[in-house]
Amino acid sequence: MNNVTGIRKYVGLDVHKATVSIAVADAQAGEVRDVSTVANDLHAIRTVLRKLGGPGALRVVYEAGPTGYGLYRWLVAEGYAAQVIAPSLIPRKAGDRVKTDRRDARLLARLARAGELTPIQIPDVADEAVRDLSRAREDLVEARTSARQRLQALLLRHGMVFSGKTRWTKAHDRWLSTLAFASPAQQTAFTEYWEAVKRADAAIERLTQALRDAVQAWQWQPVVTALMAMRGFDLVAAVTVVAELGDVRRFTHPRELMAYLGLVPSEHSSGATRRKGGITKTGNGHVRRIMIEASWCYRFPARIGKGLNERQQGQADAICDLSWKAQHRLCRRFSALRARGLHQNQVCVAVARELAGFIWAMARIAQPAAT
């Protein structure tokens, strides 16, 4: 049993946009029972929880989901012991094919009593604000990519192919401005596609500047600056990693961070048979993407280029030394794995896994600003 001093009951909430299903389990023993399904309203939830025992006597748990952390912060402010649970880590029976809101609430209450739930780290309001800004920029980058693909598809259908080396540059823009279609309808379609790309460019630039401004007053600004001393990490990449992970010091070993990011191989072994598969891809996909993108920079020999040299100006010696150590290690690793004949994508993931270890070490050197 996971009986915490003073906790007499464990309450499971299955939270949806309009309703909340509530179940309760006594701390000592007994069947888990349904309580009620109420509107997703703080007053209604408060009424039910007070009938069950009130603050100090209850531990309340619910799954992380699209409703965010407002309910958790309210529960804590009310004095309840509350946890938000990682949905992917909730134990479930293999043969269980019935899923309802009330069953989910009972499952949460029962597992909370048994101590088998894994809570997630809840960001504070300022950290969540920076994370929302970072994710908004990421969404717009994806939207711009789609807009560019639609424009390129239109041009390709009409045999209009840019002869320059790189698209989406000033030279490419000048070429686009010279294009003319025979049909006014097609010209309008082309112009709308192009304008969508330009609007996305402008929005991304605004959000990038907003990130720069937000980081200046952020408690994790020293950690962001330290990560920018690493090869492959500009402002956006560093902010994404810090905003998504929060306090990296909660991971006691770099292997914990690697597993959290889903960069470790999956395994299915039984008896004398041992089988390893692709990476697990669990945990935070935003950071995993950044790590894999950054690892591509280590396919080249170790060196400090102009951009990295500028980012390292004013950094502590320990941070610069760790960055240089990472370059030597990861560049050799990339080269050695490629020499063994591994596919470059596999090599990139392997390097990203080791890069996570250096990020863990860098985040422990840099300390957050005093608040």
Protein backbone atom coordinates (compact mmCIF):
# COMPACT_ATOMS: atom_id res chain seq x y z
CA MET A 1 0.00 0.00 0.00
CA ASN A 2 1.04 3.58 -0.66
CA ASN A 3 -0.49 5.04 2.50
CA VAL A 4 0.79 8.56 3.10
CA THR A 5 0.46 9.97 6.60
CA GLY A 6 -2.91 11.71 6.92
CA ILE A 7 -4.26 10.46 3.58
CA ARG A 8 -7.43 8.48 4.18
CA LYS A 9 -8.77 8.26 0.64
CA TYR A 10 -7.47 8.28 -2.93
CA VAL A 11 -9.61 10.07 -5.49
CA GLY A 12 -9.41 9.43 -9.22
CA LEU A 13 -10.73 12.06 -11.64
CA ASP A 14 -11.42 11.33 -15.31
CA VAL A 15 -11.41 14.87 -16.65
CA HIS A 16 -13.07 15.96 -19.88
CA LYS A 17 -14.02 19.32 -21.33
CA ALA A 18 -17.59 19.22 -19.99
CA THR A 19 -17.62 16.56 -17.27
CA VAL A 20 -15.49 14.98 -14.52
CA SER A 21 -16.07 11.41 -13.35
CA ILE A 22 -15.01 10.84 -9.75
CA ALA A 23 -14.11 7.57 -7.99
CA VAL A 24 -12.63 6.95 -4.54
CA ALA A 25 -10.59 4.23 -2.81
CA ASP A 26 -10.15 4.00 0.96
CA ALA A 27 -6.50 4.11 1.98
CA GLN A 28 -6.47 0.82 3.89
CA ALA A 29 -8.54 -1.57 1.79
CA GLY A 30 -11.91 -2.13 0.21
CA GLU A 31 -13.52 -1.83 -3.19
CA VAL A 32 -13.04 1.24 -5.29
CA ARG A 33 -16.41 2.90 -5.75
CA ASP A 34 -17.90 5.46 -8.10
CA VAL A 35 -18.87 8.75 -6.51
CA SER A 36 -20.48 10.80 -9.25
CA THR A 37 -20.07 12.51 -12.59
CA VAL A 38 -20.25 16.29 -12.32
CA ALA A 39 -19.83 19.24 -14.61
CA ASN A 40 -16.25 20.36 -15.16
CA ASP A 41 -16.78 23.24 -12.76
CA LEU A 42 -14.56 24.04 -9.78
CA HIS A 43 -17.53 24.68 -7.48
CA ALA A 44 -19.07 21.27 -8.30
CA ILE A 45 -15.73 19.50 -7.82
CA ARG A 46 -15.14 21.30 -4.51
CA THR A 47 -18.54 20.19 -3.23
CA VAL A 48 -17.84 16.51 -3.96
CA LEU A 49 -14.30 16.56 -2.56
CA ARG A 50 -15.42 18.18 0.70
CA LYS A 51 -17.99 15.44 1.18
CA LEU A 52 -15.22 12.86 0.73
CA GLY A 53 -12.95 14.38 3.35
CA GLY A 54 -11.55 17.69 2.21
CA PRO A 55 -7.92 18.90 2.14
CA GLY A 56 -5.46 16.87 4.18
CA ALA A 57 -7.45 13.66 3.94
CA LEU A 58 -7.43 13.12 0.17
CA ARG A 59 -4.90 12.49 -2.56
CA VAL A 60 -6.41 13.51 -5.91
CA VAL A 61 -5.06 12.25 -9.23
CA TYR A 62 -6.01 12.73 -12.87
CA GLU A 63 -4.43 12.10 -16.26
CA ALA A 64 -2.52 14.74 -18.18
CA GLY A 65 -4.58 15.88 -21.14
CA PRO A 66 -5.83 18.79 -23.24
CA THR A 67 -7.45 20.52 -20.25
CA GLY A 68 -4.01 21.58 -18.99
CA TYR A 69 -2.87 22.21 -15.42
CA GLY A 70 -5.49 24.68 -14.22
CA LEU A 71 -7.30 22.00 -12.19
CA TYR A 72 -4.04 20.86 -10.58
CA ARG A 73 -3.09 24.40 -9.56
CA TRP A 74 -6.55 24.95 -8.12
CA LEU A 75 -6.37 21.70 -6.13
CA VAL A 76 -2.99 22.66 -4.69
CA ALA A 77 -4.25 26.13 -3.82
CA GLU A 78 -7.19 24.50 -2.01
CA GLY A 79 -4.75 22.42 0.05
CA TYR A 80 -5.20 19.02 -1.62
CA ALA A 81 -2.35 16.60 -2.31
CA ALA A 82 -2.67 16.36 -6.10
CA GLN A 83 -0.83 14.64 -8.94
CA VAL A 84 -1.13 14.75 -12.72
CA ILE A 85 -0.41 11.31 -14.16
CA ALA A 86 1.45 10.38 -17.34
CA PRO A 87 -1.20 8.50 -19.42
CA SER A 88 1.33 6.35 -21.29
CA LEU A 89 2.71 4.97 -18.02
CA ILE A 90 -0.60 3.85 -16.49
CA PRO A 91 -0.57 0.03 -16.06
CA ARG A 92 -3.42 -1.63 -17.92
CA LYS A 93 -4.53 -5.25 -18.25
CA ALA A 94 -3.80 -6.72 -21.66
CA GLY A 95 -7.27 -8.25 -21.99
CA ASP A 96 -9.21 -5.19 -20.87
CA ARG A 97 -11.21 -3.98 -23.85
CA VAL A 98 -13.85 -1.92 -22.04
CA LYS A 99 -13.14 1.75 -21.51
CA THR A 100 -15.54 4.21 -19.90
CA ASP A 101 -15.06 7.39 -17.93
CA ARG A 102 -16.12 5.77 -14.66
CA ARG A 103 -13.85 2.76 -15.18
CA ASP A 104 -10.94 5.12 -15.88
CA ALA A 105 -11.64 7.05 -12.69
CA ARG A 106 -11.79 3.82 -10.66
CA LEU A 107 -8.53 2.63 -12.23
CA LEU A 108 -6.78 5.86 -11.26
CA ALA A 109 -8.03 5.66 -7.66
CA ARG A 110 -7.00 2.02 -7.31
CA LEU A 111 -3.51 2.52 -8.79
CA ALA A 112 -2.96 5.67 -6.73
CA ARG A 113 -3.66 3.65 -3.59
CA ALA A 114 -1.21 0.97 -4.75
CA GLY A 115 1.48 3.55 -5.57
CA GLU A 116 1.73 2.43 -9.21
CA LEU A 117 1.18 5.78 -10.94
CA THR A 118 3.90 7.99 -12.42
CA PRO A 119 3.24 11.73 -11.95
CA ILE A 120 4.58 14.30 -14.36
CA GLN A 121 6.44 17.47 -13.47
CA ILE A 122 4.10 20.46 -13.50
CA PRO A 123 5.65 23.65 -14.92
CA ASP A 124 5.03 26.88 -13.11
CA VAL A 125 3.06 29.61 -14.87
CA ALA A 126 6.13 31.42 -16.26
CA ASP A 127 7.68 28.20 -17.58
CA GLU A 128 4.42 27.16 -19.22
CA ALA A 129 4.14 30.56 -20.90
CA VAL A 130 7.57 30.19 -22.55
CA ARG A 131 6.73 26.62 -23.54
CA ASP A 132 3.47 27.73 -25.16
CA LEU A 133 5.38 30.39 -27.09
CA SER A 134 7.94 27.82 -28.23
CA ARG A 135 5.25 25.38 -29.34
CA ALA A 136 3.37 28.13 -31.18
CA ARG A 137 6.50 28.86 -33.20
CA GLU A 138 6.98 25.16 -33.91
CA ASP A 139 3.39 24.88 -35.15
CA LEU A 140 3.88 27.84 -37.47
CA VAL A 141 7.06 26.32 -38.88
CA GLU A 142 5.05 23.21 -39.75
CA ALA A 143 2.31 25.37 -41.27
CA ARG A 144 4.90 27.23 -43.36
CA THR A 145 6.34 23.95 -44.59
CA SER A 146 2.88 22.88 -45.76
CA ALA A 147 2.30 26.27 -47.41
CA ARG A 148 5.61 26.00 -49.25
CA GLN A 149 4.78 22.48 -50.43
CA ARG A 150 1.43 23.61 -51.80
CA LEU A 151 3.09 26.47 -53.68
CA GLN A 152 5.79 24.19 -55.09
CA ALA A 153 3.16 21.66 -56.19
CA LEU A 154 1.30 24.34 -58.13
CA LEU A 155 4.47 25.52 -59.86
CA LEU A 156 5.54 21.97 -60.69
CA ARG A 157 2.17 21.21 -62.31
CA HIS A 158 2.81 24.11 -64.67
CA GLY A 159 6.44 23.30 -65.38
CA MET A 160 7.86 26.25 -63.46
CA VAL A 161 11.08 25.06 -61.82
CA PHE A 162 13.57 27.32 -60.06
CA SER A 163 17.05 26.93 -61.57
CA GLY A 164 18.96 28.32 -58.60
CA LYS A 165 20.69 26.29 -55.91
CA THR A 166 18.48 27.09 -52.92
CA ARG A 167 14.82 27.90 -52.65
CA TRP A 168 13.22 30.38 -50.22
CA THR A 169 16.03 32.89 -50.52
CA LYS A 170 16.00 36.47 -51.84
CA ALA A 171 16.94 35.16 -55.29
CA HIS A 172 14.04 32.71 -55.15
CA ASP A 173 11.66 35.50 -54.13
CA ARG A 174 12.80 37.60 -57.09
CA TRP A 175 12.14 34.64 -59.38
CA LEU A 176 8.67 34.13 -57.93
CA SER A 177 7.87 37.80 -58.57
CA THR A 178 8.52 37.31 -62.30
CA LEU A 179 6.09 34.43 -62.75
CA ALA A 180 2.93 35.05 -64.73
CA PHE A 181 0.09 32.63 -65.53
CA ALA A 182 -2.09 32.77 -68.61
CA SER A 183 -5.29 32.43 -66.60
CA PRO A 184 -6.28 35.11 -64.07
CA ALA A 185 -7.69 32.34 -61.88
CA GLN A 186 -4.35 30.55 -61.78
CA GLN A 187 -2.54 33.81 -61.10
CA THR A 188 -4.83 34.42 -58.14
CA ALA A 189 -4.22 30.91 -56.81
CA PHE A 190 -0.46 31.37 -57.12
CA THR A 191 -0.56 34.75 -55.39
CA GLU A 192 -2.62 33.41 -52.48
CA TYR A 193 -0.23 30.48 -52.00
CA TRP A 194 2.77 32.82 -52.06
CA GLU A 195 1.15 35.28 -49.67
CA ALA A 196 0.46 32.41 -47.24
CA VAL A 197 4.17 31.59 -47.24
CA LYS A 198 5.13 35.21 -46.62
CA ARG A 199 2.60 35.58 -43.82
CA ALA A 200 4.01 32.46 -42.16
CA ASP A 201 7.55 33.87 -42.51
CA ALA A 202 6.52 37.09 -40.80
CA ALA A 203 4.68 35.29 -37.99
CA ILE A 204 7.68 33.03 -37.31
CA GLU A 205 9.96 36.03 -37.11
CA ARG A 206 7.61 37.74 -34.64
CA LEU A 207 7.50 34.65 -32.45
CA THR A 208 11.27 34.23 -32.60
CA GLN A 209 11.70 37.80 -31.37
CA ALA A 210 9.10 37.17 -28.67
CA LEU A 211 11.17 34.17 -27.53
CA ARG A 212 14.28 36.35 -27.34
CA ASP A 213 12.43 38.88 -25.22
CA ALA A 214 10.81 36.28 -22.95
CA VAL A 215 14.10 34.53 -22.22
CA GLN A 216 15.69 37.71 -20.87
CA ALA A 217 13.43 37.71 -17.79
CA TRP A 218 13.16 33.92 -17.46
CA GLN A 219 14.65 32.07 -14.50
CA TRP A 220 16.16 29.48 -16.88
CA GLN A 221 17.95 32.07 -19.02
CA PRO A 222 21.43 30.98 -17.74
CA VAL A 223 20.68 27.39 -18.74
CA VAL A 224 19.46 28.48 -22.19
CA THR A 225 22.63 30.52 -22.70
CA ALA A 226 24.79 27.59 -21.60
CA LEU A 227 23.11 25.19 -24.04
CA MET A 228 23.71 27.66 -26.86
CA ALA A 229 27.43 27.02 -26.33
CA MET A 230 26.85 23.52 -27.72
CA ARG A 231 27.25 22.81 -31.41
CA GLY A 232 23.87 22.58 -33.10
CA PHE A 233 21.98 24.67 -30.54
CA ASP A 234 20.78 28.13 -31.45
CA LEU A 235 18.34 30.14 -29.34
CA VAL A 236 15.24 28.33 -30.57
CA ALA A 237 16.69 24.85 -30.00
CA ALA A 238 17.99 25.74 -26.53
CA VAL A 239 14.71 27.36 -25.45
CA THR A 240 12.73 24.36 -26.70
CA VAL A 241 14.84 21.91 -24.70
CA VAL A 242 14.73 23.93 -21.48
CA ALA A 243 11.04 24.86 -21.77
CA GLU A 244 9.99 21.26 -22.40
CA LEU A 245 12.27 19.59 -19.84
CA GLY A 246 12.13 22.16 -17.05
CA ASP A 247 14.61 21.39 -14.29
CA VAL A 248 16.94 18.77 -15.79
CA ARG A 249 18.47 18.28 -12.36
CA ARG A 250 15.53 16.05 -11.46
CA PHE A 251 17.16 13.33 -13.58
CA THR A 252 19.76 11.75 -11.30
CA HIS A 253 21.63 10.08 -14.18
CA PRO A 254 21.90 10.88 -17.91
CA ARG A 255 20.43 7.47 -18.75
CA GLU A 256 17.19 8.62 -17.12
CA LEU A 257 17.07 11.60 -19.48
CA MET A 258 17.84 9.38 -22.50
CA ALA A 259 14.97 7.07 -21.54
CA TYR A 260 12.63 10.00 -20.89
CA LEU A 261 13.29 11.29 -24.40
CA GLY A 262 12.61 7.88 -25.94
CA LEU A 263 16.12 7.62 -27.39
CA VAL A 264 16.91 4.18 -25.93
CA PRO A 265 16.34 0.95 -27.91
CA SER A 266 13.20 -1.05 -27.30
CA GLU A 267 13.68 -4.66 -26.23
CA HIS A 268 11.66 -7.87 -26.29
CA SER A 269 13.63 -10.66 -24.64
CA SER A 270 12.53 -13.99 -23.25
CA GLY A 271 14.71 -16.82 -21.98
CA ALA A 272 17.83 -17.11 -24.09
CA THR A 273 16.36 -14.92 -26.83
CA ARG A 274 17.23 -11.26 -26.77
CA ARG A 275 15.77 -8.91 -29.34
CA LYS A 276 16.32 -5.17 -29.56
CA GLY A 277 14.27 -2.94 -31.80
CA GLY A 278 14.01 0.72 -32.67
CA ILE A 279 14.01 3.48 -30.10
CA THR A 280 11.03 3.62 -27.76
CA LYS A 281 9.95 7.16 -28.79
CA THR A 282 8.34 7.67 -25.40
CA GLY A 283 8.39 10.93 -23.47
CA ASN A 284 8.78 14.36 -24.98
CA GLY A 285 8.78 14.31 -28.77
CA HIS A 286 9.58 18.03 -29.08
CA VAL A 287 12.95 17.63 -27.38
CA ARG A 288 13.67 14.36 -29.16
CA ARG A 289 13.25 16.13 -32.51
CA ILE A 290 15.62 18.91 -31.46
CA MET A 291 18.23 16.41 -30.27
CA ILE A 292 18.14 14.47 -33.53
CA GLU A 293 18.32 17.63 -35.62
CA ALA A 294 21.28 18.91 -33.58
CA SER A 295 23.11 15.59 -33.90
CA TRP A 296 23.40 16.10 -37.67
CA CYS A 297 25.92 18.88 -36.99
CA TYR A 298 28.37 16.31 -35.64
CA ARG A 299 28.81 14.56 -38.98
CA PHE A 300 31.52 17.14 -39.72
CA PRO A 301 34.94 17.29 -38.00
CA ALA A 302 35.14 19.04 -34.64
CA ARG A 303 35.65 22.79 -35.03
CA ILE A 304 34.44 26.09 -33.60
CA GLY A 305 32.87 28.08 -36.40
CA LYS A 306 31.90 31.73 -36.49
CA GLY A 307 28.39 31.26 -35.10
CA LEU A 308 29.45 28.96 -32.28
CA ASN A 309 32.33 31.25 -31.38
CA GLU A 310 29.91 34.18 -31.05
CA ARG A 311 27.56 32.15 -28.86
CA GLN A 312 30.42 31.12 -26.58
CA GLN A 313 31.57 34.69 -25.92
CA GLY A 314 31.33 35.42 -22.19
CA GLN A 315 30.58 31.81 -21.28
CA ALA A 316 32.28 30.14 -18.31
CA ASP A 317 35.35 28.03 -19.04
CA ALA A 318 33.63 24.90 -17.71
CA ILE A 319 30.78 25.34 -20.23
CA CYS A 320 33.11 25.91 -23.19
CA ASP A 321 35.31 22.98 -22.17
CA LEU A 322 32.31 20.65 -21.97
CA SER A 323 31.12 21.85 -25.38
CA TRP A 324 34.51 21.10 -26.92
CA LYS A 325 34.64 17.70 -25.19
CA ALA A 326 31.21 16.90 -26.62
CA GLN A 327 32.37 17.82 -30.11
CA HIS A 328 35.40 15.55 -29.94
CA ARG A 329 33.36 12.66 -28.58
CA LEU A 330 30.32 12.95 -30.84
CA CYS A 331 32.16 13.73 -34.08
CA ARG A 332 34.35 10.66 -33.58
CA ARG A 333 31.28 8.63 -32.71
CA PHE A 334 29.44 9.74 -35.84
CA SER A 335 32.43 8.93 -38.04
CA ALA A 336 33.05 5.53 -36.42
CA LEU A 337 29.45 4.39 -36.74
CA ARG A 338 29.27 5.46 -40.37
CA ALA A 339 32.50 3.54 -41.04
CA ARG A 340 30.80 0.41 -39.66
CA GLY A 341 28.17 0.75 -42.38
CA LEU A 342 25.24 1.86 -40.24
CA HIS A 343 22.53 3.89 -41.93
CA GLN A 344 22.99 7.59 -41.31
CA ASN A 345 19.60 7.83 -39.57
CA GLN A 346 20.62 5.15 -37.09
CA VAL A 347 23.92 6.93 -36.54
CA CYS A 348 22.11 10.20 -35.97
CA VAL A 349 19.86 8.69 -33.31
CA ALA A 350 22.82 7.06 -31.56
CA VAL A 351 24.66 10.39 -31.48
CA ALA A 352 21.50 12.14 -30.23
CA ARG A 353 21.35 9.66 -27.35
CA GLU A 354 24.89 10.53 -26.27
CA LEU A 355 24.23 14.22 -26.88
CA ALA A 356 21.46 13.99 -24.28
CA GLY A 357 24.10 13.01 -21.75
CA PHE A 358 26.11 16.15 -22.48
CA ILE A 359 22.95 18.28 -22.26
CA TRP A 360 22.31 16.74 -18.84
CA ALA A 361 25.82 17.65 -17.73
CA MET A 362 25.60 21.17 -19.16
CA ALA A 363 22.29 21.85 -17.41
CA ARG A 364 23.82 20.82 -14.09
CA ILE A 365 26.70 23.27 -14.51
CA ALA A 366 24.46 26.23 -15.32
CA GLN A 367 22.21 27.33 -12.46
CA PRO A 368 18.82 29.04 -12.86
CA ALA A 369 18.62 32.71 -12.03
CA ALA A 370 17.41 33.63 -8.54
CA THR A 371 13.69 34.42 -8.42
